[in-house]
């Protein structure tokens, strides 16, 4: 029976002033030589949390996929990677799962009223969340991983629902490199830290987001977008949620017209049907595109 990919929790990176700081988990591809653990694998391959890269050893250059997940979804998402590797071998990317965010605060671009009675209002903290992601979390993770032999060839940002909205918003607003300040260090070409995003059922129904997205320029560095939605989500009883499919189609077309490689995927079912599986399909498509230079064929279903 194939061994599932090991995953190792890095030290928590505090990026909010509250106690509910997110944690970071790295899902490392397993290797044919075995599964490296603490102190490195049997072949000398450095493992996550293992010894530093020995002198002269060539680092592994892989796409890095940063994925915001609910805590209860992280193990399910990791299971998708294990299933993929059981069929195909080591997954050709390094996945960085981020859990523990306050979704209504961290993933919303500007304040908006709550959707349901008893739920919190949307606080509009995405800019602060993005600044901490780029200034603190990404540099800390990549410094740690570089010492263990992992270097990003490019980066994707992924998420589902409000986290998918944040991923899309971040591609418009993120700075040019890890550790940069978007307000002072943005180049004339615009954002460049992330090459693309994977957005599962992104909350593009959010008030004002369609207008924001369709009016914003797209940086040349933004080259890939995968957006998916359930075919029943546009039939939501709440009128604020109903525009999600139409808005996602409009944003996808806007990005395609500006030269971004786009994939629109329509799934069967509603919003809560297999979020980890839907998101995994998008991540798989992004990694395939990064390896081939061609990517999956765009759809307009």
Protein backbone atom coordinates (compact mmCIF):
# COMPACT_ATOMS: atom_id res chain seq x y z
CA UNK A 1 0.00 0.00 0.00
CA UNK A 2 1.56 3.36 -0.97
CA UNK A 3 2.73 5.51 1.90
CA UNK A 4 0.79 8.78 2.13
CA UNK A 5 2.71 12.03 1.91
CA UNK A 6 4.06 13.11 5.27
CA UNK A 7 3.20 16.55 6.53
CA UNK A 8 4.93 18.58 9.15
CA UNK A 9 3.58 21.53 11.09
CA UNK A 10 5.91 24.50 11.11
CA UNK A 11 6.02 26.88 14.02
CA UNK A 12 2.92 29.05 14.25
CA UNK A 13 3.39 32.39 12.53
CA UNK A 14 1.55 35.10 14.48
CA UNK A 15 0.00 37.53 12.05
CA UNK A 16 -2.88 38.92 14.04
CA UNK A 17 -3.06 40.67 17.38
CA UNK A 18 -5.43 38.06 18.74
CA UNK A 19 -4.80 34.62 20.15
CA UNK A 20 -6.36 32.82 17.17
CA UNK A 21 -3.22 33.01 15.04
CA UNK A 22 -3.11 30.77 11.98
CA UNK A 23 -0.87 27.73 11.83
CA UNK A 24 1.10 26.51 8.83
CA UNK A 25 1.36 22.93 7.60
CA UNK A 26 3.56 21.79 4.72
CA UNK A 27 2.45 18.81 2.64
CA UNK A 28 5.66 17.41 1.17
CA UNK A 29 5.74 15.06 -1.84
CA UNK A 30 6.99 11.62 -0.83
CA UNK A 31 10.07 10.29 -2.60
CA UNK A 32 10.73 6.86 -4.12
CA UNK A 33 13.62 6.38 -1.66
CA UNK A 34 11.31 6.59 1.31
CA UNK A 35 9.65 9.09 3.52
CA UNK A 36 12.10 11.49 5.14
CA UNK A 37 11.29 12.49 8.66
CA UNK A 38 13.03 14.49 11.31
CA UNK A 39 16.73 14.54 10.54
CA UNK A 40 16.30 13.68 6.87
CA UNK A 41 15.44 10.55 4.91
CA UNK A 42 17.43 7.39 4.31
CA UNK A 43 18.84 8.74 1.04
CA UNK A 44 20.10 11.93 2.65
CA UNK A 45 17.19 13.89 1.20
CA UNK A 46 16.37 16.68 3.66
CA UNK A 47 12.89 16.41 5.10
CA UNK A 48 10.48 19.04 6.30
CA UNK A 49 11.79 19.84 9.74
CA UNK A 50 14.96 17.87 8.87
CA UNK A 51 18.58 18.81 8.59
CA UNK A 52 19.81 21.67 6.35
CA UNK A 53 20.64 21.00 2.72
CA UNK A 54 24.14 19.46 2.52
CA UNK A 55 26.78 21.48 0.62
CA UNK A 56 26.70 20.82 -3.09
CA UNK A 57 23.26 19.22 -3.13
CA UNK A 58 20.93 20.68 -5.75
CA UNK A 59 17.72 22.07 -4.19
CA UNK A 60 14.31 20.92 -5.32
CA UNK A 61 12.65 23.67 -7.35
CA UNK A 62 8.89 23.20 -7.22
CA UNK A 63 5.71 25.26 -7.47
CA UNK A 64 4.58 26.36 -4.01
CA UNK A 65 0.81 26.38 -3.48
CA UNK A 66 -0.39 28.38 -0.47
CA UNK A 67 -3.87 27.15 0.49
CA UNK A 68 -6.14 28.72 3.11
CA UNK A 69 -8.31 25.99 4.65
CA UNK A 70 -10.68 25.51 7.54
CA UNK A 71 -9.00 23.44 10.25
CA UNK A 72 -11.32 20.49 9.70
CA UNK A 73 -10.57 20.46 5.96
CA UNK A 74 -6.77 20.23 6.16
CA UNK A 75 -6.64 16.47 6.68
CA UNK A 76 -9.24 15.92 3.93
CA UNK A 77 -7.21 18.06 1.53
CA UNK A 78 -4.05 16.16 2.43
CA UNK A 79 -5.96 12.96 1.70
CA UNK A 80 -6.54 14.18 -1.86
CA UNK A 81 -2.80 14.51 -2.30
CA UNK A 82 -2.24 11.02 -0.90
CA UNK A 83 -4.81 9.61 -3.35
CA UNK A 84 -3.12 11.40 -6.25
CA UNK A 85 0.30 10.08 -5.25
CA UNK A 86 -1.00 6.52 -4.85
CA UNK A 87 -1.99 6.65 -8.53
CA UNK A 88 0.73 8.85 -10.04
CA UNK A 89 3.75 9.10 -7.73
CA UNK A 90 5.10 12.20 -5.94
CA UNK A 91 2.98 15.29 -6.45
CA UNK A 92 5.15 17.82 -8.32
CA UNK A 93 4.48 20.74 -5.98
CA UNK A 94 4.83 21.71 -2.35
CA UNK A 95 1.57 22.59 -0.62
CA UNK A 96 1.48 25.02 2.29
CA UNK A 97 -1.80 24.81 4.19
CA UNK A 98 -2.78 27.78 6.36
CA UNK A 99 -5.52 27.24 8.93
CA UNK A 100 -7.01 29.14 11.83
CA UNK A 101 -7.99 32.42 10.20
CA UNK A 102 -11.02 34.47 11.13
CA UNK A 103 -12.71 34.14 7.76
CA UNK A 104 -15.19 37.02 8.10
CA UNK A 105 -12.37 39.34 9.12
CA UNK A 106 -9.28 38.18 7.25
CA UNK A 107 -10.70 37.27 3.85
CA UNK A 108 -13.07 40.16 3.11
CA UNK A 109 -11.80 43.17 1.11
CA UNK A 110 -13.98 45.84 2.76
CA UNK A 111 -16.71 45.89 5.42
CA UNK A 112 -20.14 44.53 4.55
CA UNK A 113 -23.24 43.48 6.51
CA UNK A 114 -23.63 39.91 7.72
CA UNK A 115 -25.40 37.35 5.56
CA UNK A 116 -27.36 35.57 8.25
CA UNK A 117 -28.86 36.48 11.58
CA UNK A 118 -26.47 35.57 14.38
CA UNK A 119 -23.38 35.58 12.18
CA UNK A 120 -20.76 38.33 12.41
CA UNK A 121 -20.53 41.24 10.01
CA UNK A 122 -17.74 41.12 7.45
CA UNK A 123 -14.89 43.23 8.82
CA UNK A 124 -12.94 43.92 5.63
CA UNK A 125 -9.52 42.87 6.90
CA UNK A 126 -8.11 41.40 3.68
CA UNK A 127 -5.48 44.11 3.20
CA UNK A 128 -4.04 43.50 6.66
CA UNK A 129 -4.21 39.74 6.12
CA UNK A 130 -2.43 40.05 2.76
CA UNK A 131 0.28 42.29 4.23
CA UNK A 132 1.00 39.75 6.94
CA UNK A 133 0.92 36.90 4.46
CA UNK A 134 3.51 38.55 2.22
CA UNK A 135 5.61 40.26 4.89
CA UNK A 136 5.65 37.56 7.56
CA UNK A 137 4.26 34.18 6.65
CA UNK A 138 5.65 33.60 3.14
CA UNK A 139 9.18 34.81 4.00
CA UNK A 140 9.25 32.73 7.21
CA UNK A 141 8.05 29.57 5.47
CA UNK A 142 10.35 29.96 2.49
CA UNK A 143 13.40 30.80 4.56
CA UNK A 144 12.81 27.63 6.56
CA UNK A 145 12.24 25.52 3.46
CA UNK A 146 15.16 26.97 1.54
CA UNK A 147 17.45 25.76 4.31
CA UNK A 148 16.03 22.29 3.80
CA UNK A 149 16.38 22.30 0.03
CA UNK A 150 13.05 23.56 -1.34
CA UNK A 151 12.88 26.60 -3.61
CA UNK A 152 9.70 27.92 -5.31
CA UNK A 153 9.65 27.99 -9.10
CA UNK A 154 6.46 30.06 -8.78
CA UNK A 155 3.64 30.51 -6.30
CA UNK A 156 -0.10 29.98 -6.41
CA UNK A 157 -2.66 31.13 -3.83
CA UNK A 158 -5.74 28.97 -3.32
CA UNK A 159 -8.89 28.90 -1.25
CA UNK A 160 -12.57 28.02 -1.12
CA UNK A 161 -15.55 30.31 -0.48
CA UNK A 162 -14.36 33.46 1.32
CA UNK A 163 -10.80 32.13 1.12
CA UNK A 164 -11.28 31.88 -2.64
CA UNK A 165 -12.44 35.51 -2.69
CA UNK A 166 -9.29 36.44 -0.79
CA UNK A 167 -7.08 34.55 -3.26
CA UNK A 168 -8.64 36.42 -6.17
CA UNK A 169 -8.43 39.78 -4.37
CA UNK A 170 -4.78 39.12 -3.47
CA UNK A 171 -3.80 38.65 -7.12
CA UNK A 172 -5.00 42.18 -7.78
CA UNK A 173 -3.40 43.66 -4.68
CA UNK A 174 -0.29 41.65 -3.71
CA UNK A 175 3.20 43.19 -3.81
CA UNK A 176 6.05 42.18 -6.08
CA UNK A 177 8.02 39.87 -3.79
CA UNK A 178 7.94 38.12 -0.45
CA UNK A 179 8.51 40.59 2.35
CA UNK A 180 7.61 43.63 0.24
CA UNK A 181 5.23 46.35 1.37
CA UNK A 182 2.46 46.75 -1.18
CA UNK A 183 2.11 50.44 -0.34
CA UNK A 184 5.77 51.30 -0.95
CA UNK A 185 7.34 48.56 -3.07
CA UNK A 186 4.93 47.85 -5.92
CA UNK A 187 6.60 47.92 -9.34
CA UNK A 188 5.17 49.58 -12.42
CA UNK A 189 4.13 46.14 -13.61
CA UNK A 190 1.99 45.58 -10.53
CA UNK A 191 1.76 42.47 -8.37
CA UNK A 192 4.11 39.58 -8.93
CA UNK A 193 4.48 37.49 -5.76
CA UNK A 194 1.85 35.01 -6.97
CA UNK A 195 1.68 33.73 -10.55
CA UNK A 196 -1.91 32.61 -10.26
CA UNK A 197 -4.80 31.63 -8.04
CA UNK A 198 -7.20 28.74 -7.57
CA UNK A 199 -10.62 29.86 -6.37
CA UNK A 200 -13.20 27.23 -5.41
CA UNK A 201 -16.70 28.70 -5.22
CA UNK A 202 -15.19 32.11 -4.44
CA UNK A 203 -17.54 34.57 -2.76
CA UNK A 204 -17.66 36.88 -5.79
CA UNK A 205 -21.25 37.71 -4.80
CA UNK A 206 -19.57 39.99 -2.22
CA UNK A 207 -20.97 43.53 -2.44
CA UNK A 208 -18.95 45.62 -4.90
CA UNK A 209 -16.47 42.90 -5.83
CA UNK A 210 -17.63 42.36 -9.40
CA UNK A 211 -17.29 46.08 -10.11
CA UNK A 212 -13.88 46.13 -8.43
CA UNK A 213 -12.55 43.14 -10.38
CA UNK A 214 -13.80 44.24 -13.79
CA UNK A 215 -12.35 47.72 -13.38
CA UNK A 216 -8.88 46.68 -12.19
CA UNK A 217 -5.91 46.13 -14.52
CA UNK A 218 -4.24 42.74 -14.60
CA UNK A 219 -0.48 42.60 -14.06
CA UNK A 220 1.63 40.78 -16.68
CA UNK A 221 2.89 38.49 -13.91
CA UNK A 222 -0.65 37.15 -13.32
CA UNK A 223 -0.78 34.23 -15.74
CA UNK A 224 -3.19 31.60 -14.36
CA UNK A 225 -6.70 31.56 -12.90
CA UNK A 226 -8.87 28.57 -12.04
CA UNK A 227 -12.41 29.34 -10.89
CA UNK A 228 -15.10 26.79 -10.07
CA UNK A 229 -18.64 26.89 -8.78
CA UNK A 230 -21.52 24.47 -8.14
CA UNK A 231 -24.36 24.47 -10.63
CA UNK A 232 -26.91 25.01 -7.84
CA UNK A 233 -25.16 27.94 -6.19
CA UNK A 234 -26.79 30.46 -8.48
CA UNK A 235 -30.17 29.22 -7.24
CA UNK A 236 -29.53 30.24 -3.63
CA UNK A 237 -32.56 31.55 -1.77
CA UNK A 238 -30.57 34.43 -0.33
CA UNK A 239 -30.56 37.05 -3.13
CA UNK A 240 -27.12 38.27 -2.09
CA UNK A 241 -25.62 34.84 -2.87
CA UNK A 242 -27.43 34.21 -6.15
CA UNK A 243 -25.09 36.21 -8.46
CA UNK A 244 -22.05 33.99 -7.72
CA UNK A 245 -22.03 32.06 -11.02
CA UNK A 246 -22.76 35.07 -13.22
CA UNK A 247 -20.12 37.13 -11.45
CA UNK A 248 -17.53 34.36 -11.66
CA UNK A 249 -18.15 33.96 -15.39
CA UNK A 250 -17.74 37.71 -15.88
CA UNK A 251 -14.48 37.82 -13.91
CA UNK A 252 -13.15 34.77 -15.78
CA UNK A 253 -13.91 36.37 -19.14
CA UNK A 254 -12.31 39.63 -18.02
CA UNK A 255 -9.10 37.85 -17.05
CA UNK A 256 -9.06 35.77 -20.24
CA UNK A 257 -9.44 38.87 -22.37
CA UNK A 258 -6.38 40.34 -20.67
CA UNK A 259 -4.18 37.33 -21.43
CA UNK A 260 -4.52 35.26 -18.26
CA UNK A 261 -4.81 31.51 -18.81
CA UNK A 262 -8.26 30.82 -17.37
CA UNK A 263 -10.19 27.68 -16.49
CA UNK A 264 -13.87 27.86 -15.53
CA UNK A 265 -15.25 24.66 -14.00
CA UNK A 266 -18.91 24.01 -13.25
CA UNK A 267 -19.45 21.30 -10.64
CA UNK A 268 -22.65 19.46 -9.83
CA UNK A 269 -24.32 20.48 -6.58
CA UNK A 270 -24.34 23.32 -4.11
CA UNK A 271 -21.72 25.26 -2.20
CA UNK A 272 -20.99 22.68 0.49
CA UNK A 273 -20.56 19.64 -1.74
CA UNK A 274 -16.96 18.35 -1.41
CA UNK A 275 -15.02 21.62 -1.02
CA UNK A 276 -11.63 19.85 -0.58
CA UNK A 277 -12.21 17.76 -3.71
CA UNK A 278 -13.21 20.74 -5.81
CA UNK A 279 -10.27 22.79 -4.59
CA UNK A 280 -7.88 19.91 -5.21
CA UNK A 281 -8.98 19.70 -8.86
CA UNK A 282 -8.06 23.35 -9.28
CA UNK A 283 -4.68 22.90 -7.60
CA UNK A 284 -3.95 19.90 -9.79
CA UNK A 285 -4.81 21.97 -12.89
CA UNK A 286 -2.56 24.82 -11.76
CA UNK A 287 0.39 22.53 -11.14
CA UNK A 288 -0.14 20.78 -14.49
CA UNK A 289 -0.17 24.16 -16.22
CA UNK A 290 3.03 25.22 -14.46
CA UNK A 291 4.80 22.06 -15.58
CA UNK A 292 3.72 22.03 -19.20
CA UNK A 293 3.55 25.71 -20.02
CA UNK A 294 0.28 24.90 -21.75
CA UNK A 295 -2.12 24.09 -18.93
CA UNK A 296 -5.55 22.51 -19.21
CA UNK A 297 -7.86 23.58 -21.99
CA UNK A 298 -10.00 26.56 -20.90
CA UNK A 299 -13.71 25.83 -20.73
CA UNK A 300 -16.76 28.03 -20.99
CA UNK A 301 -19.35 25.57 -19.71
